[in-house]
Amino acid sequence: MLSAQHRASIQATVPLLETGGEALTRHFYRIMLGEHPEVRPLFNQAHQASGDQQRALANGVLMYARHIDRLEALGPLVGQIVNKHVSLQILPEHYPIVGSCLLRAIREVLGAQIATDAVLEAWAAAYGQLAEILIGAEEQAYATSADAAGGWRGARWFRLANRVTESEEITSLHLVPEDGGALLAFQPGQYIGLRLHLDGEEMRRNYSLSALGDGREYRISVKREVGGKVSNYLHDQLQVGDRLELFPPAGDFVLRPSAKPLVLISAGVGITPALSMLEAAKGSGRAIHFIHCARHAGVHAFRDWVHAQTEAHPEVRHFYCYSEPRADDQAHATGLLTRERLEQWLPEERDLDAYFLGPKPFMAQVKKYLRELGVPEQQSHYEFFGPASALEA
């Protein structure tokens, strides 16, 4: 239980977190990943190198400190953290490691004059409160997955049943459970966690489920990333019949029940969750506008499938924009997606539901354009690894 003095001490550190939060979280990760190799598989080293992981944690710590008196003001942040943790199988025994490293980083970065024993005591109590909240929510999610039809807890062995080249960069992997049992249903937009052992090193990754579940297999569609150890393994070495460990589906970037017009906006491999959303919504009677941006036709995955949906369902319309078109490419527009193009491609009715995903600069622009074009903020949905404020540029 946090005392009034604890809360005052936490809130007093907010200005320091606003200016030095990333320095604190960088030091935290240096300590934890350097001294506790058992937790390294839980963190994507590419996100570490880019700074995304540090920025996301810094934002989370700052938001928690700001709203220590009103945790309900954190909004969707707690749910996003819980879903990420569940997809990677964060367990109660991981929390003391994180807590001890965080307190040490606070002392070493802020210094003993600022990070006094009283401040550290307050942060220890605050971290304990947050850990209790997260552990409880995560256990509930694990139990729900285990108890549901076709569900399981922890890792489950799957085999690669088929692989399909979708573009010059994206390959789909069709995964079936090795035990032949039923599969847990999932919501359009969710992802699954994979656990791999490559060159003696354990790695865990999340990938969006790119097709609606049929109770028999899951499909993920993986982009080859330059220097990406896992993505290159999945593209080049994983063969039909090979085994993979999967964690149950998770994620809160999901298609919500609605009769409003639906707009799905994606760029690059961000198309993957939009596919299952389109598949779920088609035939529902609601107008659907599917907008996708790619460099050129060679890297535009699922074009033929989306075209088939528009042919079969008159309520579905699609629009493509190529930023670097090749000579024979055909698209509705070339160059980057502009406000004017988006305005033309949106339904006339702006009381709509928009879902968008892609690289950070693309998402920042789409978020800005949707707001300027009159789409209600609460009906503009996205998934982003990092502080939402980073999309306000």
Protein backbone atom coordinates (compact mmCIF):
# COMPACT_ATOMS: atom_id res chain seq x y z
CA MET A 1 0.00 0.00 0.00
CA LEU A 2 1.40 3.36 -1.05
CA SER A 3 1.44 6.02 1.64
CA ALA A 4 0.87 9.73 1.03
CA GLN A 5 4.61 10.28 1.51
CA HIS A 6 5.39 7.59 -1.07
CA ARG A 7 3.13 9.29 -3.60
CA ALA A 8 4.69 12.69 -2.91
CA SER A 9 8.20 11.25 -3.39
CA ILE A 10 7.19 9.59 -6.68
CA GLN A 11 5.57 12.74 -8.04
CA ALA A 12 8.64 14.78 -7.10
CA THR A 13 10.68 12.72 -9.55
CA VAL A 14 8.38 13.48 -12.52
CA PRO A 15 10.39 16.52 -13.77
CA LEU A 16 13.55 14.42 -13.70
CA LEU A 17 11.85 11.62 -15.63
CA GLU A 18 10.59 14.09 -18.21
CA THR A 19 14.13 15.21 -19.02
CA GLY A 20 16.20 12.13 -18.20
CA GLY A 21 13.89 9.16 -18.48
CA GLU A 22 15.68 7.61 -21.45
CA ALA A 23 19.09 7.89 -19.78
CA LEU A 24 17.61 6.08 -16.80
CA THR A 25 16.07 3.28 -18.86
CA ARG A 26 19.21 2.85 -20.98
CA HIS A 27 21.22 2.33 -17.81
CA PHE A 28 18.53 0.00 -16.47
CA TYR A 29 18.72 -2.24 -19.55
CA ARG A 30 22.53 -2.21 -19.44
CA ILE A 31 22.45 -3.51 -15.88
CA MET A 32 19.69 -6.07 -16.35
CA LEU A 33 20.76 -7.55 -19.68
CA GLY A 34 24.40 -7.54 -18.67
CA GLU A 35 23.94 -9.23 -15.30
CA HIS A 36 20.85 -11.38 -15.87
CA PRO A 37 21.24 -13.39 -19.09
CA GLU A 38 18.12 -15.39 -18.19
CA VAL A 39 15.90 -12.46 -19.19
CA ARG A 40 17.65 -11.57 -22.46
CA PRO A 41 15.33 -13.72 -24.61
CA LEU A 42 12.41 -11.57 -23.48
CA PHE A 43 13.84 -8.48 -25.21
CA ASN A 44 14.26 -7.88 -28.93
CA GLN A 45 17.82 -6.69 -29.44
CA ALA A 46 16.79 -4.77 -32.58
CA HIS A 47 14.48 -2.67 -30.40
CA GLN A 48 17.35 -2.19 -27.98
CA ALA A 49 19.66 -1.00 -30.76
CA SER A 50 17.08 1.43 -32.17
CA GLY A 51 16.22 2.84 -28.75
CA ASP A 52 12.53 1.94 -29.12
CA GLN A 53 12.57 -0.31 -26.07
CA GLN A 54 14.18 2.34 -23.89
CA ARG A 55 11.76 5.02 -25.07
CA ALA A 56 8.76 2.75 -24.47
CA LEU A 57 9.88 1.96 -20.93
CA ALA A 58 10.75 5.59 -20.20
CA ASN A 59 7.26 6.58 -21.30
CA GLY A 60 5.69 3.86 -19.17
CA VAL A 61 7.65 4.87 -16.05
CA LEU A 62 6.80 8.54 -16.60
CA MET A 63 3.09 7.86 -17.12
CA TYR A 64 3.00 5.72 -14.00
CA ALA A 65 4.70 8.43 -11.92
CA ARG A 66 2.42 11.16 -13.27
CA HIS A 67 -0.74 9.18 -12.50
CA ILE A 68 0.33 7.46 -9.30
CA ASP A 69 -2.81 8.86 -7.62
CA ARG A 70 -5.15 7.91 -10.50
CA LEU A 71 -4.01 4.73 -12.19
CA GLU A 72 -7.23 4.62 -14.19
CA ALA A 73 -5.86 7.64 -16.10
CA LEU A 74 -3.23 5.38 -17.66
CA GLY A 75 -5.98 4.24 -20.04
CA PRO A 76 -4.93 1.50 -22.48
CA LEU A 77 -1.25 1.52 -21.44
CA VAL A 78 -1.66 -1.23 -18.82
CA GLY A 79 -3.57 -3.44 -21.26
CA GLN A 80 -0.88 -2.99 -23.91
CA ILE A 81 1.85 -3.94 -21.44
CA VAL A 82 -0.08 -6.99 -20.24
CA ASN A 83 -0.65 -8.23 -23.78
CA LYS A 84 3.00 -7.80 -24.73
CA HIS A 85 4.04 -9.62 -21.56
CA VAL A 86 1.58 -12.46 -22.19
CA SER A 87 2.75 -12.90 -25.78
CA LEU A 88 6.33 -13.33 -24.53
CA GLN A 89 5.38 -15.31 -21.41
CA ILE A 90 6.62 -12.91 -18.74
CA LEU A 91 6.27 -14.75 -15.42
CA PRO A 92 6.11 -13.66 -11.74
CA GLU A 93 9.73 -14.68 -11.15
CA HIS A 94 10.90 -12.08 -13.67
CA TYR A 95 9.52 -9.13 -11.69
CA PRO A 96 12.04 -9.11 -8.79
CA ILE A 97 14.89 -8.97 -11.31
CA VAL A 98 13.35 -5.96 -13.06
CA GLY A 99 12.58 -4.27 -9.74
CA SER A 100 16.06 -4.58 -8.30
CA CYS A 101 17.70 -3.35 -11.51
CA LEU A 102 15.28 -0.42 -11.80
CA LEU A 103 15.96 0.76 -8.25
CA ARG A 104 19.69 0.46 -8.79
CA ALA A 105 19.45 2.46 -12.03
CA ILE A 106 17.44 5.20 -10.29
CA ARG A 107 20.12 5.55 -7.62
CA GLU A 108 23.05 5.46 -10.04
CA VAL A 109 21.56 7.82 -12.65
CA LEU A 110 19.88 10.36 -10.39
CA GLY A 111 22.56 10.23 -7.71
CA ALA A 112 22.29 9.68 -3.97
CA GLN A 113 21.39 13.32 -3.26
CA ILE A 114 18.22 13.07 -5.36
CA ALA A 115 17.55 9.34 -5.17
CA THR A 116 17.60 9.26 -1.38
CA ASP A 117 16.66 6.26 0.71
CA ALA A 118 13.16 7.74 1.02
CA VAL A 119 12.80 8.10 -2.75
CA LEU A 120 14.03 4.55 -3.33
CA GLU A 121 11.63 3.25 -0.69
CA ALA A 122 8.78 5.04 -2.46
CA TRP A 123 9.75 3.63 -5.85
CA ALA A 124 10.12 0.15 -4.37
CA ALA A 125 6.57 0.41 -3.02
CA ALA A 126 5.29 1.83 -6.32
CA TYR A 127 6.99 -0.90 -8.33
CA GLY A 128 5.58 -3.53 -6.00
CA GLN A 129 2.09 -2.13 -6.56
CA LEU A 130 2.50 -2.14 -10.34
CA ALA A 131 4.01 -5.65 -10.35
CA GLU A 132 1.05 -6.92 -8.36
CA ILE A 133 -1.38 -5.39 -10.86
CA LEU A 134 0.46 -6.80 -13.88
CA ILE A 135 1.05 -10.26 -12.42
CA GLY A 136 -2.63 -10.56 -11.55
CA ALA A 137 -3.79 -9.46 -15.00
CA GLU A 138 -1.27 -11.70 -16.74
CA GLU A 139 -2.25 -14.73 -14.67
CA GLN A 140 -5.87 -14.12 -15.58
CA ALA A 141 -4.91 -14.02 -19.28
CA TYR A 142 -2.84 -17.21 -18.99
CA ALA A 143 -5.68 -19.00 -17.20
CA THR A 144 -8.25 -17.80 -19.74
CA SER A 145 -6.14 -19.11 -22.64
CA ALA A 146 -5.55 -22.43 -20.88
CA ASP A 147 -9.23 -22.97 -20.06
CA ALA A 148 -10.66 -21.98 -23.46
CA ALA A 149 -11.42 -24.52 -26.19
CA GLY A 150 -8.20 -25.31 -28.03
CA GLY A 151 -6.20 -23.24 -25.56
CA TRP A 152 -2.97 -23.89 -23.71
CA ARG A 153 -0.58 -22.35 -21.20
CA GLY A 154 3.07 -21.67 -21.92
CA ALA A 155 4.66 -23.03 -25.09
CA ARG A 156 3.08 -25.52 -27.48
CA TRP A 157 4.86 -27.31 -30.30
CA PHE A 158 3.76 -26.56 -33.87
CA ARG A 159 4.98 -27.74 -37.24
CA LEU A 160 5.36 -25.76 -40.44
CA ALA A 161 2.70 -27.18 -42.76
CA ASN A 162 3.24 -24.83 -45.70
CA ARG A 163 5.11 -21.72 -46.72
CA VAL A 164 3.95 -19.24 -49.37
CA THR A 165 5.94 -16.41 -50.93
CA GLU A 166 3.71 -13.35 -50.81
CA SER A 167 6.16 -10.75 -52.16
CA GLU A 168 9.88 -10.16 -52.60
CA GLU A 169 10.10 -9.52 -48.83
CA ILE A 170 7.20 -11.32 -47.15
CA THR A 171 6.63 -15.06 -46.71
CA SER A 172 3.60 -16.65 -45.05
CA LEU A 173 4.08 -19.57 -42.67
CA HIS A 174 1.17 -21.95 -42.04
CA LEU A 175 1.58 -23.53 -38.60
CA VAL A 176 -0.33 -26.55 -37.26
CA PRO A 177 -0.20 -27.99 -33.72
CA GLU A 178 2.02 -31.04 -33.46
CA ASP A 179 -0.45 -32.73 -31.11
CA GLY A 180 -3.22 -32.51 -33.71
CA GLY A 181 -5.55 -30.81 -31.25
CA ALA A 182 -7.90 -27.89 -31.73
CA LEU A 183 -6.66 -24.32 -31.76
CA LEU A 184 -7.60 -21.38 -29.60
CA ALA A 185 -9.73 -18.78 -31.38
CA PHE A 186 -8.34 -15.26 -31.61
CA GLN A 187 -9.56 -11.77 -32.43
CA PRO A 188 -8.66 -10.14 -35.77
CA GLY A 189 -5.53 -8.04 -35.22
CA GLN A 190 -3.93 -10.20 -32.52
CA TYR A 191 -0.46 -11.75 -32.66
CA ILE A 192 1.35 -14.83 -31.40
CA GLY A 193 4.72 -15.26 -29.71
CA LEU A 194 7.40 -17.61 -31.07
CA ARG A 195 10.28 -19.13 -29.12
CA LEU A 196 13.35 -20.20 -31.07
CA HIS A 197 16.84 -21.39 -30.23
CA LEU A 198 19.35 -20.16 -32.82
CA ASP A 199 23.07 -20.80 -32.45
CA GLY A 200 22.54 -21.72 -28.82
CA GLU A 201 20.66 -18.51 -28.02
CA GLU A 202 16.99 -18.35 -27.06
CA MET A 203 14.93 -15.71 -28.89
CA ARG A 204 11.28 -14.71 -28.67
CA ARG A 205 9.36 -12.69 -31.23
CA ASN A 206 5.79 -11.54 -31.90
CA TYR A 207 4.09 -11.84 -35.30
CA SER A 208 0.60 -10.76 -36.30
CA LEU A 209 -1.84 -13.48 -37.32
CA SER A 210 -2.52 -12.64 -40.96
CA ALA A 211 -5.62 -14.80 -41.57
CA LEU A 212 -8.72 -15.65 -39.58
CA GLY A 213 -8.40 -18.82 -37.55
CA ASP A 214 -10.09 -21.98 -38.81
CA GLY A 215 -9.44 -24.11 -35.73
CA ARG A 216 -6.72 -26.06 -37.55
CA GLU A 217 -3.81 -23.70 -38.30
CA TYR A 218 -2.37 -20.27 -37.66
CA ARG A 219 -0.82 -18.13 -40.39
CA ILE A 220 1.83 -15.50 -39.87
CA SER A 221 3.41 -13.45 -42.65
CA VAL A 222 7.00 -12.45 -41.94
CA LYS A 223 9.01 -9.68 -43.56
CA ARG A 224 12.70 -10.36 -44.09
CA GLU A 225 14.54 -7.71 -42.10
CA VAL A 226 18.09 -6.74 -43.06
CA GLY A 227 20.28 -8.28 -40.37
CA GLY A 228 17.24 -9.79 -38.64
CA LYS A 229 18.40 -13.09 -37.18
CA VAL A 230 14.93 -14.53 -36.62
CA SER A 231 13.28 -13.28 -39.80
CA ASN A 232 16.15 -14.53 -41.95
CA TYR A 233 16.01 -17.93 -40.24
CA LEU A 234 12.28 -18.16 -40.89
CA HIS A 235 12.79 -17.19 -44.54
CA ASP A 236 15.87 -19.24 -45.37
CA GLN A 237 16.14 -22.20 -43.03
CA LEU A 238 12.76 -23.18 -41.62
CA GLN A 239 11.43 -26.01 -43.77
CA VAL A 240 8.05 -27.71 -44.04
CA GLY A 241 7.84 -30.23 -41.20
CA ASP A 242 10.17 -28.29 -38.89
CA ARG A 243 9.03 -27.53 -35.34
CA LEU A 244 8.40 -24.22 -33.59
CA GLU A 245 7.22 -23.32 -30.10
CA LEU A 246 4.25 -20.94 -30.00
CA PHE A 247 2.62 -19.02 -27.17
CA PRO A 248 -1.15 -18.36 -27.23
CA PRO A 249 -2.54 -15.36 -29.17
CA ALA A 250 -2.54 -11.97 -27.45
CA GLY A 251 -2.94 -8.29 -28.27
CA ASP A 252 -5.46 -5.49 -27.81
CA PHE A 253 -5.17 -3.93 -31.30
CA VAL A 254 -8.30 -5.79 -32.41
CA LEU A 255 -11.32 -5.17 -34.60
CA ARG A 256 -14.08 -3.87 -32.36
CA PRO A 257 -17.81 -4.52 -32.91
CA SER A 258 -19.32 -1.66 -34.95
CA ALA A 259 -21.63 -0.93 -37.85
CA LYS A 260 -19.75 2.26 -38.84
CA PRO A 261 -17.75 2.43 -42.08
CA LEU A 262 -14.40 0.67 -41.64
CA VAL A 263 -11.11 2.04 -42.98
CA LEU A 264 -7.99 -0.13 -42.87
CA ILE A 265 -4.77 1.77 -43.63
CA SER A 266 -1.42 0.02 -43.79
CA ALA A 267 2.11 0.30 -45.11
CA GLY A 268 4.59 -2.51 -45.74
CA VAL A 269 4.25 -5.50 -43.46
CA GLY A 270 1.72 -3.51 -41.43
CA ILE A 271 -0.80 -5.06 -43.79
CA THR A 272 -0.82 -8.34 -41.84
CA PRO A 273 -3.34 -7.55 -39.06
CA ALA A 274 -5.49 -5.62 -41.57
CA LEU A 275 -5.98 -8.84 -43.56
CA SER A 276 -7.74 -10.69 -40.77
CA MET A 277 -9.77 -7.56 -39.99
CA LEU A 278 -10.91 -7.35 -43.61
CA GLU A 279 -11.71 -11.05 -43.66
CA ALA A 280 -13.81 -10.73 -40.50
CA ALA A 281 -15.68 -7.60 -41.62
CA LYS A 282 -16.49 -8.49 -45.22
CA GLY A 283 -20.08 -9.48 -45.76
CA SER A 284 -21.18 -7.62 -42.62
CA GLY A 285 -22.90 -4.88 -44.60
CA ARG A 286 -20.57 -2.10 -43.43
CA ALA A 287 -18.61 -0.12 -46.00
CA ILE A 288 -14.92 -1.09 -46.00
CA HIS A 289 -12.10 0.97 -47.51
CA PHE A 290 -8.75 -0.86 -47.68
CA ILE A 291 -5.79 1.49 -48.22
CA HIS A 292 -2.29 0.11 -48.58
CA CYS A 293 1.06 1.78 -49.25
CA ALA A 294 4.17 0.03 -50.54
CA ARG A 295 7.37 0.98 -52.30
CA HIS A 296 6.38 -0.89 -55.47
CA ALA A 297 4.41 -3.91 -56.70
CA GLY A 298 7.30 -6.28 -56.04
CA VAL A 299 6.99 -5.80 -52.29
CA HIS A 300 3.19 -5.45 -52.25
CA ALA A 301 1.99 -8.62 -50.55
CA PHE A 302 -1.59 -9.99 -50.83
CA ARG A 303 -2.60 -7.66 -53.67
CA ASP A 304 -4.43 -10.42 -55.56
CA TRP A 305 -6.24 -11.61 -52.41
CA VAL A 306 -7.47 -8.11 -51.54
CA HIS A 307 -8.56 -7.58 -55.15
CA ALA A 308 -10.56 -10.83 -54.97
CA GLN A 309 -12.37 -9.56 -51.88
CA THR A 310 -13.41 -6.37 -53.66
CA GLU A 311 -14.68 -8.42 -56.60
CA ALA A 312 -16.74 -10.68 -54.34
CA HIS A 313 -17.99 -8.00 -51.93
CA PRO A 314 -19.26 -4.72 -53.44
CA GLU A 315 -19.04 -2.97 -50.06
CA VAL A 316 -15.24 -3.38 -50.12
CA ARG A 317 -13.09 -0.84 -51.99
CA HIS A 318 -9.30 -0.84 -52.21
CA PHE A 319 -6.70 1.85 -52.95
CA TYR A 320 -2.93 1.44 -53.44
CA CYS A 321 -0.13 3.98 -53.27
CA TYR A 322 3.44 3.20 -54.43
CA SER A 323 6.22 5.51 -53.29
CA GLU A 324 8.89 4.08 -55.65
CA PRO A 325 6.93 2.47 -58.51
CA ARG A 326 8.66 0.33 -61.11
CA ALA A 327 8.07 0.86 -64.81
CA ASP A 328 5.05 -1.42 -65.20
CA ASP A 329 3.50 -0.95 -61.78
CA GLN A 330 -0.13 0.06 -61.56
CA ALA A 331 -1.40 1.90 -58.52
CA HIS A 332 -4.07 4.45 -57.67
CA ALA A 333 -1.39 6.98 -56.72
CA THR A 334 2.38 7.32 -56.57
CA GLY A 335 4.57 9.01 -54.02
CA LEU A 336 3.81 9.17 -50.31
CA LEU A 337 0.29 9.07 -48.93
CA THR A 338 -0.83 12.68 -48.68
CA ARG A 339 -3.67 14.30 -46.79
CA GLU A 340 -5.42 15.05 -50.10
CA ARG A 341 -5.21 11.44 -51.29
CA LEU A 342 -6.44 10.10 -47.99
CA GLU A 343 -9.33 12.57 -48.06
CA GLN A 344 -10.35 11.25 -51.51
CA TRP A 345 -10.15 7.62 -50.39
CA LEU A 346 -12.04 7.94 -47.11
CA PRO A 347 -15.81 7.43 -47.03
CA GLU A 348 -17.82 10.65 -47.17
CA GLU A 349 -19.14 9.84 -43.69
CA ARG A 350 -16.35 10.68 -41.25
CA ASP A 351 -18.08 8.99 -38.33
CA LEU A 352 -16.01 5.91 -39.13
CA ASP A 353 -13.63 3.44 -37.52
CA ALA A 354 -10.03 3.65 -38.74
CA TYR A 355 -7.27 1.13 -38.02
CA PHE A 356 -3.74 1.84 -39.20
CA LEU A 357 -0.31 0.25 -38.89
CA GLY A 358 3.08 0.71 -40.53
CA PRO A 359 6.44 2.43 -40.00
CA LYS A 360 6.49 5.18 -37.37
CA PRO A 361 6.70 8.18 -39.79
CA PHE A 362 3.79 6.75 -41.80
CA MET A 363 1.68 6.25 -38.68
CA ALA A 364 2.45 9.76 -37.44
CA GLN A 365 1.20 11.23 -40.70
CA VAL A 366 -1.91 9.06 -40.86
CA LYS A 367 -2.82 9.90 -37.26
CA LYS A 368 -2.45 13.61 -38.02
CA TYR A 369 -4.41 13.41 -41.28
CA LEU A 370 -7.30 11.48 -39.74
CA ARG A 371 -7.64 14.07 -36.99
CA GLU A 372 -7.54 16.95 -39.47
CA LEU A 373 -10.09 15.24 -41.72
CA GLY A 374 -12.62 14.94 -38.92
CA VAL A 375 -12.33 11.33 -37.85
CA PRO A 376 -13.10 11.18 -34.10
CA GLU A 377 -9.92 10.61 -32.09
CA GLN A 378 -11.46 7.74 -30.11
CA GLN A 379 -12.29 5.96 -33.39
CA SER A 380 -8.72 6.11 -34.69
CA HIS A 381 -6.95 2.91 -33.63
CA TYR A 382 -3.31 1.88 -34.00
CA GLU A 383 -0.63 -0.29 -32.45
CA PHE A 384 2.71 1.28 -31.69
CA PHE A 385 5.81 0.17 -29.82
CA GLY A 386 6.72 3.24 -27.84
CA PRO A 387 5.19 6.42 -26.41
CA ALA A 388 2.09 7.58 -28.26
CA SER A 389 3.45 11.13 -28.12
CA ALA A 390 6.09 10.06 -30.65
CA LEU A 391 3.32 9.94 -33.26
CA GLU A 392 2.37 13.57 -32.67
CA ALA A 393 5.35 14.98 -34.57
